[in-house]
Amino acid sequence: MDETPRRVPLAADAYDARWSTLAASGHDVHGEASLVDGLLAGRPSRVLDAGCGTGRVALELTRRGHRTVGVDVDPDLLAHAREKAPTLDWVDGDLARLPPDVAPGPFEAAVLAGNVMIFVARGTEGAVLANLATRLAPGGLVIAGFQLSGRLPLAAYDDHARAAGLELEARWSTWDRAPWSGSGDYAVSVHTLASKR
């Protein structure tokens, strides 16, 4: 198992500037938050932004009325998130090794946006999903989108999810719910915690 945490290969300012440029050119940069908000039927809920980076998704979910907690292993990205929203709960931690009392939940949803599942250390994917499952309320959701480049095949992801007590509920090819054809280079998966283990 690789012990080196993965991280976004851009400095925090450059990462945020990329999203600002996309927004200025008319792109919807809040697709992840829109999907999560829709799945929660707009009800104010507790949401864990797992691998939150500089806080883009957590900030938008908070703006929409949700109570968010952001967790990331990269201290530079987290520091940037804290600068933007010092009153939100930002946690410095590795998703595969979070102690039970850190960001304990219960959460109605955990979102892994921005390819988080292929940025975690190799070999820890199952531990990440197991840790998230323990923090979910009954019926809680794990919503993850990532590139299908061979790093983490969907079948392996689903196996890790099943082992964590999560059942596949929906899958799309984009965050705006474009249908999943069974193939493609990106997938957004929604798994549900059926019961506490």
N, C-alpha and C. Protein backbone atom coordinates (compact mmCIF):
# COMPACT_ATOMS: atom_id res chain seq x y z
N MET A 1 0.84 -1.18 0.00
CA MET A 1 0.00 0.00 0.00
C MET A 1 0.89 1.24 0.00
N ASP A 2 0.60 2.17 -0.90
CA ASP A 2 1.33 3.43 -0.99
C ASP A 2 0.97 4.31 0.20
N GLU A 3 1.96 4.74 0.96
CA GLU A 3 1.72 5.56 2.16
C GLU A 3 1.69 7.06 1.86
N THR A 4 1.99 7.45 0.62
CA THR A 4 2.05 8.86 0.28
C THR A 4 0.68 9.36 -0.14
N PRO A 5 0.09 10.32 0.60
CA PRO A 5 -1.21 10.86 0.18
C PRO A 5 -1.11 11.54 -1.18
N ARG A 6 -2.14 11.40 -1.97
CA ARG A 6 -2.20 12.08 -3.26
C ARG A 6 -2.76 13.48 -3.05
N ARG A 7 -2.49 14.39 -3.97
CA ARG A 7 -3.02 15.74 -3.85
C ARG A 7 -3.17 16.37 -5.22
N VAL A 8 -3.96 17.40 -5.27
CA VAL A 8 -4.12 18.15 -6.51
C VAL A 8 -2.77 18.73 -6.88
N PRO A 9 -2.32 18.58 -8.14
CA PRO A 9 -0.99 19.04 -8.51
C PRO A 9 -0.89 20.54 -8.78
N LEU A 10 -1.86 21.31 -8.33
CA LEU A 10 -1.84 22.77 -8.50
C LEU A 10 -1.78 23.45 -7.14
N ALA A 11 -1.16 24.62 -7.10
CA ALA A 11 -1.21 25.43 -5.89
C ALA A 11 -2.65 25.86 -5.66
N ALA A 12 -2.99 26.15 -4.40
CA ALA A 12 -4.36 26.49 -4.04
C ALA A 12 -4.90 27.66 -4.86
N ASP A 13 -4.11 28.72 -5.02
CA ASP A 13 -4.56 29.87 -5.80
C ASP A 13 -4.83 29.50 -7.26
N ALA A 14 -3.94 28.69 -7.83
CA ALA A 14 -4.10 28.28 -9.22
C ALA A 14 -5.32 27.39 -9.39
N TYR A 15 -5.57 26.53 -8.40
CA TYR A 15 -6.74 25.66 -8.44
C TYR A 15 -8.02 26.49 -8.43
N ASP A 16 -8.11 27.46 -7.53
CA ASP A 16 -9.28 28.32 -7.47
C ASP A 16 -9.42 29.18 -8.72
N ALA A 17 -8.30 29.67 -9.25
CA ALA A 17 -8.33 30.51 -10.44
C ALA A 17 -8.90 29.73 -11.63
N ARG A 18 -8.59 28.46 -11.70
CA ARG A 18 -9.11 27.61 -12.78
C ARG A 18 -10.64 27.59 -12.75
N TRP A 19 -11.21 27.43 -11.56
CA TRP A 19 -12.68 27.39 -11.45
C TRP A 19 -13.28 28.77 -11.70
N SER A 20 -12.61 29.82 -11.27
CA SER A 20 -13.10 31.18 -11.53
C SER A 20 -13.13 31.47 -13.02
N THR A 21 -12.12 31.02 -13.74
CA THR A 21 -12.07 31.22 -15.19
C THR A 21 -13.21 30.48 -15.87
N LEU A 22 -13.45 29.24 -15.44
CA LEU A 22 -14.56 28.47 -16.01
C LEU A 22 -15.90 29.17 -15.75
N ALA A 23 -16.10 29.65 -14.52
CA ALA A 23 -17.35 30.34 -14.18
C ALA A 23 -17.52 31.61 -15.02
N ALA A 24 -16.43 32.35 -15.20
CA ALA A 24 -16.49 33.59 -15.97
C ALA A 24 -16.82 33.33 -17.44
N SER A 25 -16.47 32.14 -17.92
CA SER A 25 -16.76 31.81 -19.33
C SER A 25 -18.14 31.18 -19.50
N GLY A 26 -18.92 31.14 -18.42
CA GLY A 26 -20.30 30.66 -18.51
C GLY A 26 -20.53 29.22 -18.11
N HIS A 27 -19.48 28.52 -17.70
CA HIS A 27 -19.65 27.13 -17.27
C HIS A 27 -20.30 27.07 -15.89
N ASP A 28 -21.14 26.06 -15.68
CA ASP A 28 -21.72 25.82 -14.36
C ASP A 28 -20.66 25.07 -13.54
N VAL A 29 -20.10 25.74 -12.55
CA VAL A 29 -19.05 25.12 -11.74
C VAL A 29 -19.61 24.54 -10.44
N HIS A 30 -20.93 24.47 -10.35
CA HIS A 30 -21.54 23.94 -9.14
C HIS A 30 -22.40 22.71 -9.41
N GLY A 31 -22.03 21.95 -10.43
CA GLY A 31 -22.78 20.75 -10.77
C GLY A 31 -22.81 19.73 -9.64
N GLU A 32 -21.68 19.58 -8.96
CA GLU A 32 -21.64 18.62 -7.85
C GLU A 32 -22.61 19.02 -6.75
N ALA A 33 -22.56 20.30 -6.36
CA ALA A 33 -23.45 20.78 -5.29
C ALA A 33 -24.91 20.68 -5.73
N SER A 34 -25.19 20.97 -6.99
CA SER A 34 -26.56 20.88 -7.49
C SER A 34 -27.08 19.44 -7.40
N LEU A 35 -26.24 18.48 -7.77
CA LEU A 35 -26.66 17.08 -7.70
C LEU A 35 -26.90 16.66 -6.25
N VAL A 36 -25.97 16.99 -5.37
CA VAL A 36 -26.12 16.62 -3.96
C VAL A 36 -27.38 17.26 -3.38
N ASP A 37 -27.57 18.54 -3.65
CA ASP A 37 -28.75 19.25 -3.15
C ASP A 37 -30.03 18.61 -3.68
N GLY A 38 -30.03 18.23 -4.94
CA GLY A 38 -31.21 17.58 -5.52
C GLY A 38 -31.49 16.22 -4.90
N LEU A 39 -30.43 15.44 -4.67
CA LEU A 39 -30.61 14.12 -4.05
C LEU A 39 -31.15 14.24 -2.63
N LEU A 40 -30.82 15.34 -1.97
CA LEU A 40 -31.31 15.59 -0.62
C LEU A 40 -32.64 16.35 -0.64
N ALA A 41 -33.20 16.50 -1.83
CA ALA A 41 -34.50 17.17 -2.04
C ALA A 41 -34.52 18.58 -1.46
N GLY A 42 -33.37 19.24 -1.44
CA GLY A 42 -33.30 20.61 -0.94
C GLY A 42 -33.50 20.74 0.56
N ARG A 43 -33.61 19.62 1.28
CA ARG A 43 -33.77 19.68 2.74
C ARG A 43 -32.42 19.99 3.37
N PRO A 44 -32.36 20.97 4.27
CA PRO A 44 -31.08 21.24 4.95
C PRO A 44 -30.57 19.96 5.63
N SER A 45 -29.37 19.57 5.30
CA SER A 45 -28.80 18.30 5.76
C SER A 45 -27.35 18.50 6.14
N ARG A 46 -26.82 17.53 6.88
CA ARG A 46 -25.38 17.52 7.16
C ARG A 46 -24.68 16.79 6.03
N VAL A 47 -23.68 17.44 5.45
CA VAL A 47 -22.96 16.85 4.32
C VAL A 47 -21.46 16.90 4.61
N LEU A 48 -20.80 15.78 4.38
CA LEU A 48 -19.35 15.69 4.51
C LEU A 48 -18.75 15.86 3.11
N ASP A 49 -17.94 16.90 2.93
CA ASP A 49 -17.21 17.10 1.68
C ASP A 49 -15.86 16.41 1.86
N ALA A 50 -15.79 15.19 1.38
CA ALA A 50 -14.62 14.33 1.58
C ALA A 50 -13.60 14.57 0.48
N GLY A 51 -12.46 15.13 0.86
CA GLY A 51 -11.48 15.57 -0.12
C GLY A 51 -11.88 16.94 -0.64
N CYS A 52 -12.15 17.84 0.28
CA CYS A 52 -12.77 19.14 -0.03
C CYS A 52 -11.87 20.12 -0.76
N GLY A 53 -10.56 19.90 -0.76
CA GLY A 53 -9.67 20.84 -1.43
C GLY A 53 -9.81 22.24 -0.87
N THR A 54 -10.02 23.22 -1.75
CA THR A 54 -10.14 24.61 -1.32
C THR A 54 -11.57 24.98 -0.94
N GLY A 55 -12.46 24.01 -0.90
CA GLY A 55 -13.80 24.23 -0.36
C GLY A 55 -14.89 24.62 -1.33
N ARG A 56 -14.65 24.52 -2.62
CA ARG A 56 -15.64 24.97 -3.61
C ARG A 56 -17.01 24.32 -3.40
N VAL A 57 -17.05 23.01 -3.26
CA VAL A 57 -18.33 22.30 -3.13
C VAL A 57 -18.94 22.56 -1.76
N ALA A 58 -18.14 22.50 -0.71
CA ALA A 58 -18.67 22.74 0.65
C ALA A 58 -19.26 24.14 0.77
N LEU A 59 -18.59 25.13 0.19
CA LEU A 59 -19.09 26.51 0.27
C LEU A 59 -20.43 26.66 -0.45
N GLU A 60 -20.55 26.03 -1.61
CA GLU A 60 -21.81 26.13 -2.35
C GLU A 60 -22.93 25.37 -1.63
N LEU A 61 -22.62 24.23 -1.06
CA LEU A 61 -23.65 23.50 -0.29
C LEU A 61 -24.08 24.30 0.93
N THR A 62 -23.14 24.97 1.57
CA THR A 62 -23.48 25.82 2.72
C THR A 62 -24.37 26.97 2.26
N ARG A 63 -24.05 27.57 1.13
CA ARG A 63 -24.86 28.65 0.59
C ARG A 63 -26.30 28.19 0.34
N ARG A 64 -26.44 26.89 0.02
CA ARG A 64 -27.77 26.34 -0.24
C ARG A 64 -28.48 25.84 1.02
N GLY A 65 -27.87 26.08 2.17
CA GLY A 65 -28.54 25.77 3.43
C GLY A 65 -28.11 24.50 4.13
N HIS A 66 -27.12 23.80 3.59
CA HIS A 66 -26.66 22.57 4.23
C HIS A 66 -25.56 22.88 5.24
N ARG A 67 -25.40 22.01 6.22
CA ARG A 67 -24.33 22.13 7.20
C ARG A 67 -23.20 21.22 6.74
N THR A 68 -22.09 21.82 6.36
CA THR A 68 -21.02 21.05 5.75
C THR A 68 -19.79 20.97 6.65
N VAL A 69 -19.08 19.87 6.50
CA VAL A 69 -17.76 19.67 7.10
C VAL A 69 -16.85 19.25 5.96
N GLY A 70 -15.71 19.91 5.82
CA GLY A 70 -14.75 19.56 4.78
C GLY A 70 -13.54 18.87 5.37
N VAL A 71 -13.12 17.80 4.72
CA VAL A 71 -11.92 17.05 5.14
C VAL A 71 -10.97 16.95 3.96
N ASP A 72 -9.69 17.22 4.20
CA ASP A 72 -8.69 17.05 3.15
C ASP A 72 -7.34 16.76 3.78
N VAL A 73 -6.51 16.03 3.05
CA VAL A 73 -5.17 15.68 3.52
C VAL A 73 -4.15 16.77 3.19
N ASP A 74 -4.51 17.69 2.28
CA ASP A 74 -3.56 18.69 1.82
C ASP A 74 -3.69 19.97 2.65
N PRO A 75 -2.71 20.29 3.51
CA PRO A 75 -2.83 21.45 4.38
C PRO A 75 -2.88 22.78 3.64
N ASP A 76 -2.22 22.88 2.46
CA ASP A 76 -2.25 24.12 1.70
C ASP A 76 -3.65 24.41 1.15
N LEU A 77 -4.29 23.37 0.60
CA LEU A 77 -5.64 23.55 0.08
C LEU A 77 -6.61 23.89 1.21
N LEU A 78 -6.45 23.21 2.35
CA LEU A 78 -7.33 23.48 3.50
C LEU A 78 -7.13 24.89 4.04
N ALA A 79 -5.90 25.35 4.07
CA ALA A 79 -5.65 26.71 4.55
C ALA A 79 -6.38 27.72 3.67
N HIS A 80 -6.41 27.46 2.38
CA HIS A 80 -7.12 28.35 1.46
C HIS A 80 -8.63 28.30 1.73
N ALA A 81 -9.16 27.11 2.00
CA ALA A 81 -10.58 26.98 2.33
C ALA A 81 -10.89 27.76 3.60
N ARG A 82 -10.02 27.65 4.60
CA ARG A 82 -10.24 28.36 5.86
C ARG A 82 -10.22 29.88 5.67
N GLU A 83 -9.36 30.36 4.79
CA GLU A 83 -9.31 31.80 4.51
C GLU A 83 -10.64 32.28 3.93
N LYS A 84 -11.24 31.47 3.06
CA LYS A 84 -12.49 31.86 2.42
C LYS A 84 -13.68 31.77 3.36
N ALA A 85 -13.66 30.80 4.28
CA ALA A 85 -14.81 30.59 5.17
C ALA A 85 -14.31 30.11 6.53
N PRO A 86 -13.79 31.03 7.35
CA PRO A 86 -13.19 30.62 8.62
C PRO A 86 -14.17 30.02 9.63
N THR A 87 -15.47 30.24 9.45
CA THR A 87 -16.42 29.70 10.43
C THR A 87 -16.87 28.28 10.11
N LEU A 88 -16.56 27.78 8.92
CA LEU A 88 -16.92 26.41 8.58
C LEU A 88 -15.94 25.44 9.23
N ASP A 89 -16.36 24.20 9.34
CA ASP A 89 -15.56 23.15 9.96
C ASP A 89 -14.68 22.50 8.90
N TRP A 90 -13.39 22.81 8.93
CA TRP A 90 -12.41 22.25 7.99
C TRP A 90 -11.49 21.32 8.77
N VAL A 91 -11.37 20.08 8.35
CA VAL A 91 -10.62 19.07 9.09
C VAL A 91 -9.42 18.60 8.26
N ASP A 92 -8.25 18.67 8.86
CA ASP A 92 -7.03 18.18 8.23
C ASP A 92 -6.93 16.69 8.53
N GLY A 93 -7.12 15.87 7.51
CA GLY A 93 -7.07 14.44 7.77
C GLY A 93 -7.09 13.60 6.51
N ASP A 94 -6.56 12.40 6.65
CA ASP A 94 -6.53 11.40 5.59
C ASP A 94 -7.82 10.60 5.67
N LEU A 95 -8.61 10.58 4.62
CA LEU A 95 -9.91 9.90 4.62
C LEU A 95 -9.79 8.41 4.96
N ALA A 96 -8.65 7.82 4.67
CA ALA A 96 -8.46 6.39 4.95
C ALA A 96 -8.12 6.12 6.41
N ARG A 97 -7.72 7.16 7.14
CA ARG A 97 -7.24 6.95 8.51
C ARG A 97 -7.89 7.89 9.52
N LEU A 98 -9.08 8.38 9.23
CA LEU A 98 -9.74 9.31 10.15
C LEU A 98 -10.13 8.58 11.43
N PRO A 99 -9.70 9.09 12.59
CA PRO A 99 -10.16 8.49 13.84
C PRO A 99 -11.68 8.63 13.96
N PRO A 100 -12.34 7.71 14.66
CA PRO A 100 -13.80 7.74 14.75
C PRO A 100 -14.38 9.04 15.31
N ASP A 101 -13.61 9.75 16.15
CA ASP A 101 -14.14 10.98 16.75
C ASP A 101 -13.87 12.23 15.91
N VAL A 102 -13.29 12.07 14.73
CA VAL A 102 -13.02 13.20 13.84
C VAL A 102 -14.08 13.21 12.75
N ALA A 103 -14.81 14.33 12.62
CA ALA A 103 -15.93 14.43 11.67
C ALA A 103 -16.84 13.21 11.83
N PRO A 104 -17.37 12.99 13.05
CA PRO A 104 -18.05 11.73 13.34
C PRO A 104 -19.44 11.56 12.71
N GLY A 105 -20.06 12.62 12.26
CA GLY A 105 -21.40 12.48 11.71
C GLY A 105 -22.44 12.49 12.82
N PRO A 106 -23.65 12.03 12.57
CA PRO A 106 -24.05 11.40 11.31
C PRO A 106 -24.30 12.44 10.21
N PHE A 107 -23.96 12.02 8.97
CA PHE A 107 -24.17 12.84 7.79
C PHE A 107 -25.22 12.19 6.91
N GLU A 108 -26.05 13.02 6.31
CA GLU A 108 -27.02 12.49 5.34
C GLU A 108 -26.34 12.17 4.01
N ALA A 109 -25.20 12.79 3.75
CA ALA A 109 -24.47 12.52 2.51
C ALA A 109 -23.00 12.82 2.69
N ALA A 110 -22.20 12.07 1.94
CA ALA A 110 -20.77 12.35 1.81
C ALA A 110 -20.49 12.47 0.31
N VAL A 111 -19.86 13.56 -0.09
CA VAL A 111 -19.58 13.77 -1.50
C VAL A 111 -18.08 13.73 -1.73
N LEU A 112 -17.68 13.01 -2.78
CA LEU A 112 -16.29 12.91 -3.21
C LEU A 112 -16.23 13.47 -4.63
N ALA A 113 -16.04 14.77 -4.74
CA ALA A 113 -16.00 15.45 -6.04
C ALA A 113 -14.55 15.61 -6.48
N GLY A 114 -14.36 16.00 -7.73
CA GLY A 114 -13.01 16.33 -8.18
C GLY A 114 -12.06 15.16 -8.22
N ASN A 115 -12.55 13.96 -8.57
CA ASN A 115 -11.68 12.79 -8.72
C ASN A 115 -11.03 12.32 -7.42
N VAL A 116 -11.63 12.61 -6.29
CA VAL A 116 -11.03 12.24 -5.00
C VAL A 116 -10.64 10.76 -4.97
N MET A 117 -11.51 9.89 -5.46
CA MET A 117 -11.24 8.45 -5.34
C MET A 117 -10.01 7.99 -6.12
N ILE A 118 -9.57 8.77 -7.10
CA ILE A 118 -8.33 8.38 -7.78
C ILE A 118 -7.15 9.23 -7.31
N PHE A 119 -7.38 10.11 -6.32
CA PHE A 119 -6.30 10.85 -5.69
C PHE A 119 -5.89 10.25 -4.35
N VAL A 120 -6.73 9.40 -3.77
CA VAL A 120 -6.34 8.79 -2.49
C VAL A 120 -5.17 7.84 -2.73
N ALA A 121 -4.44 7.53 -1.69
CA ALA A 121 -3.30 6.63 -1.84
C ALA A 121 -3.76 5.27 -2.35
N ARG A 122 -3.02 4.73 -3.28
CA ARG A 122 -3.37 3.41 -3.85
C ARG A 122 -3.49 2.38 -2.72
N GLY A 123 -4.52 1.58 -2.81
CA GLY A 123 -4.74 0.53 -1.82
C GLY A 123 -5.61 0.96 -0.66
N THR A 124 -5.95 2.26 -0.59
CA THR A 124 -6.78 2.73 0.54
C THR A 124 -8.23 2.99 0.15
N GLU A 125 -8.60 2.69 -1.10
CA GLU A 125 -9.94 3.01 -1.57
C GLU A 125 -11.02 2.37 -0.69
N GLY A 126 -10.83 1.11 -0.34
CA GLY A 126 -11.81 0.43 0.51
C GLY A 126 -11.90 1.04 1.90
N ALA A 127 -10.76 1.42 2.45
CA ALA A 127 -10.74 2.04 3.78
C ALA A 127 -11.45 3.40 3.75
N VAL A 128 -11.27 4.15 2.66
CA VAL A 128 -11.94 5.45 2.53
C VAL A 128 -13.45 5.25 2.57
N LEU A 129 -13.97 4.33 1.76
CA LEU A 129 -15.42 4.11 1.73
C LEU A 129 -15.93 3.54 3.05
N ALA A 130 -15.16 2.68 3.68
CA ALA A 130 -15.57 2.14 4.98
C ALA A 130 -15.65 3.25 6.02
N ASN A 131 -14.67 4.14 6.03
CA ASN A 131 -14.70 5.27 6.98
C ASN A 131 -15.89 6.17 6.73
N LEU A 132 -16.19 6.44 5.47
CA LEU A 132 -17.34 7.28 5.17
C LEU A 132 -18.64 6.60 5.60
N ALA A 133 -18.75 5.31 5.35
CA ALA A 133 -19.97 4.58 5.71
C ALA A 133 -20.26 4.67 7.20
N THR A 134 -19.20 4.63 8.03
CA THR A 134 -19.43 4.69 9.48
C THR A 134 -19.92 6.05 9.94
N ARG A 135 -19.79 7.05 9.07
CA ARG A 135 -20.20 8.41 9.44
C ARG A 135 -21.58 8.79 8.89
N LEU A 136 -22.19 7.88 8.14
CA LEU A 136 -23.49 8.16 7.52
C LEU A 136 -24.64 7.84 8.46
N ALA A 137 -25.71 8.63 8.35
CA ALA A 137 -26.98 8.29 8.97
C ALA A 137 -27.57 7.12 8.19
N PRO A 138 -28.47 6.32 8.80
CA PRO A 138 -29.13 5.26 8.03
C PRO A 138 -29.77 5.85 6.78
N GLY A 139 -29.56 5.19 5.66
CA GLY A 139 -30.07 5.70 4.39
C GLY A 139 -29.22 6.79 3.79
N GLY A 140 -28.08 7.13 4.43
CA GLY A 140 -27.20 8.18 3.92
C GLY A 140 -26.56 7.80 2.60
N LEU A 141 -26.10 8.81 1.88
CA LEU A 141 -25.59 8.63 0.53
C LEU A 141 -24.09 8.91 0.45
N VAL A 142 -23.40 8.13 -0.37
CA VAL A 142 -22.03 8.44 -0.80
C VAL A 142 -22.12 8.74 -2.28
N ILE A 143 -21.72 9.95 -2.66
CA ILE A 143 -21.82 10.42 -4.04
C ILE A 143 -20.41 10.72 -4.53
N ALA A 144 -19.96 9.98 -5.54
CA ALA A 144 -18.57 10.13 -5.99
C ALA A 144 -18.52 10.19 -7.51
N GLY A 145 -17.70 11.10 -8.02
CA GLY A 145 -17.45 11.18 -9.45
C GLY A 145 -15.96 11.14 -9.71
N PHE A 146 -15.55 10.32 -10.68
CA PHE A 146 -14.12 10.25 -10.99
C PHE A 146 -13.89 9.72 -12.40
N GLN A 147 -12.69 10.03 -12.92
CA GLN A 147 -12.25 9.58 -14.23
C GLN A 147 -12.02 8.08 -14.22
N LEU A 148 -12.43 7.43 -15.28
CA LEU A 148 -12.24 5.98 -15.40
C LEU A 148 -11.04 5.71 -16.30
N SER A 149 -9.87 5.90 -15.74
CA SER A 149 -8.64 5.78 -16.52
C SER A 149 -7.92 4.47 -16.27
N GLY A 150 -8.54 3.56 -15.54
CA GLY A 150 -7.87 2.31 -15.19
C GLY A 150 -7.33 2.32 -13.79
N ARG A 151 -7.19 3.51 -13.20
CA ARG A 151 -6.69 3.64 -11.82
C ARG A 151 -7.66 2.97 -10.84
N LEU A 152 -8.97 3.16 -11.05
CA LEU A 152 -9.99 2.54 -10.21
C LEU A 152 -11.18 2.16 -11.08
N PRO A 153 -11.22 0.92 -11.56
CA PRO A 153 -12.36 0.49 -12.37
C PRO A 153 -13.66 0.54 -11.55
N LEU A 154 -14.76 0.78 -12.23
CA LEU A 154 -16.05 0.87 -11.53
C LEU A 154 -16.39 -0.42 -10.79
N ALA A 155 -16.06 -1.56 -11.37
CA ALA A 155 -16.36 -2.83 -10.69
C ALA A 155 -15.63 -2.91 -9.35
N ALA A 156 -14.38 -2.47 -9.33
CA ALA A 156 -13.61 -2.47 -8.07
C ALA A 156 -14.20 -1.47 -7.09
N TYR A 157 -14.58 -0.29 -7.58
CA TYR A 157 -15.21 0.71 -6.71
C TYR A 157 -16.48 0.14 -6.09
N ASP A 158 -17.32 -0.49 -6.91
CA ASP A 158 -18.56 -1.08 -6.40
C ASP A 158 -18.27 -2.19 -5.39
N ASP A 159 -17.23 -2.97 -5.62
CA ASP A 159 -16.85 -4.02 -4.65
C ASP A 159 -16.46 -3.39 -3.31
N HIS A 160 -15.67 -2.33 -3.35
CA HIS A 160 -15.29 -1.63 -2.11
C HIS A 160 -16.53 -1.08 -1.41
N ALA A 161 -17.44 -0.51 -2.18
CA ALA A 161 -18.66 0.04 -1.61
C ALA A 161 -19.49 -1.05 -0.95
N ARG A 162 -19.67 -2.18 -1.63
CA ARG A 162 -20.44 -3.30 -1.05
C ARG A 162 -19.81 -3.77 0.25
N ALA A 163 -18.49 -3.87 0.28
CA ALA A 163 -17.80 -4.32 1.49
C ALA A 163 -18.01 -3.35 2.64
N ALA A 164 -18.28 -2.08 2.33
CA ALA A 164 -18.52 -1.06 3.35
C ALA A 164 -20.00 -0.97 3.74
N GLY A 165 -20.84 -1.84 3.15
CA GLY A 165 -22.26 -1.82 3.46
C GLY A 165 -23.05 -0.82 2.65
N LEU A 166 -22.51 -0.44 1.48
CA LEU A 166 -23.17 0.54 0.61
C LEU A 166 -23.71 -0.16 -0.63
N GLU A 167 -24.91 0.24 -1.03
CA GLU A 167 -25.56 -0.35 -2.20
C GLU A 167 -25.70 0.69 -3.30
N LEU A 168 -25.44 0.29 -4.54
CA LEU A 168 -25.56 1.20 -5.67
C LEU A 168 -27.02 1.60 -5.86
N GLU A 169 -27.25 2.90 -5.91
CA GLU A 169 -28.60 3.43 -6.12
C GLU A 169 -28.76 4.06 -7.49
N ALA A 170 -27.73 4.77 -7.97
CA ALA A 170 -27.82 5.43 -9.27
C ALA A 170 -26.42 5.65 -9.82
N ARG A 171 -26.36 5.76 -11.15
CA ARG A 171 -25.07 6.07 -11.79
C ARG A 171 -25.35 6.90 -13.04
N TRP A 172 -24.56 7.95 -13.21
CA TRP A 172 -24.65 8.82 -14.38
C TRP A 172 -23.27 9.02 -14.97
N SER A 173 -23.22 9.59 -16.16
CA SER A 173 -21.92 9.84 -16.79
C SER A 173 -21.41 11.25 -16.49
N THR A 174 -22.27 12.11 -15.89
CA THR A 174 -21.88 13.47 -15.52
C THR A 174 -22.63 13.86 -14.25
N TRP A 175 -22.21 14.97 -13.66
CA TRP A 175 -22.87 15.48 -12.47
C TRP A 175 -24.25 16.05 -12.78
N ASP A 176 -24.53 16.34 -14.06
CA ASP A 176 -25.87 16.84 -14.40
C ASP A 176 -26.80 15.70 -14.85
N ARG A 177 -26.48 14.49 -14.45
CA ARG A 177 -27.32 13.30 -14.62
C ARG A 177 -27.49 12.85 -16.07
N ALA A 178 -26.48 13.08 -16.89
CA ALA A 178 -26.51 12.48 -18.22
C ALA A 178 -26.50 10.97 -18.04
N PRO A 179 -27.29 10.24 -18.83
CA PRO A 179 -27.41 8.79 -18.61
C PRO A 179 -26.07 8.06 -18.69
N TRP A 180 -25.95 7.02 -17.89
CA TRP A 180 -24.78 6.16 -17.92
C TRP A 180 -25.04 5.06 -18.95
N SER A 181 -24.14 4.92 -19.89
CA SER A 181 -24.32 3.97 -20.98
C SER A 181 -23.68 2.62 -20.70
N GLY A 182 -22.95 2.53 -19.61
CA GLY A 182 -22.21 1.30 -19.33
C GLY A 182 -20.76 1.41 -19.73
N SER A 183 -20.43 2.48 -20.42
CA SER A 183 -19.03 2.75 -20.77
C SER A 183 -18.86 4.26 -20.82
N GLY A 184 -17.63 4.69 -20.89
CA GLY A 184 -17.32 6.12 -20.89
C GLY A 184 -16.08 6.37 -20.06
N ASP A 185 -15.65 7.63 -20.02
CA ASP A 185 -14.41 7.93 -19.31
C ASP A 185 -14.64 8.61 -17.97
N TYR A 186 -15.92 8.75 -17.57
CA TYR A 186 -16.23 9.39 -16.29
C TYR A 186 -17.54 8.81 -15.79
N ALA A 187 -17.64 8.66 -14.47
CA ALA A 187 -18.89 8.18 -13.88
C ALA A 187 -19.14 8.87 -12.56
N VAL A 188 -20.41 9.13 -12.29
CA VAL A 188 -20.87 9.64 -11.00
C VAL A 188 -21.76 8.55 -10.41
N SER A 189 -21.38 8.07 -9.24
CA SER A 189 -22.10 6.96 -8.60
C SER A 189 -22.70 7.41 -7.28
N VAL A 190 -23.91 6.94 -7.02
CA VAL A 190 -24.58 7.19 -5.75
C VAL A 190 -24.81 5.86 -5.07
N HIS A 191 -24.24 5.70 -3.89
CA HIS A 191 -24.45 4.51 -3.08
C HIS A 191 -25.17 4.90 -1.79
N THR A 192 -26.00 3.99 -1.31
CA THR A 192 -26.79 4.23 -0.11
C THR A 192 -26.38 3.27 0.98
N LEU A 193 -26.34 3.80 2.21
CA LEU A 193 -26.11 2.94 3.38
C LEU A 193 -27.45 2.32 3.76
N ALA A 194 -27.53 1.02 3.57
CA ALA A 194 -28.81 0.34 3.82
C ALA A 194 -29.09 0.20 5.30
N SER A 195 -28.08 -0.13 6.07
CA SER A 195 -28.28 -0.26 7.52
C SER A 195 -26.95 -0.10 8.21
N LYS A 196 -26.99 0.32 9.48
CA LYS A 196 -25.75 0.44 10.24
C LYS A 196 -25.19 -0.93 10.50
N ARG A 197 -23.87 -1.02 10.43
CA ARG A 197 -23.22 -2.33 10.64
C ARG A 197 -22.77 -2.45 12.06
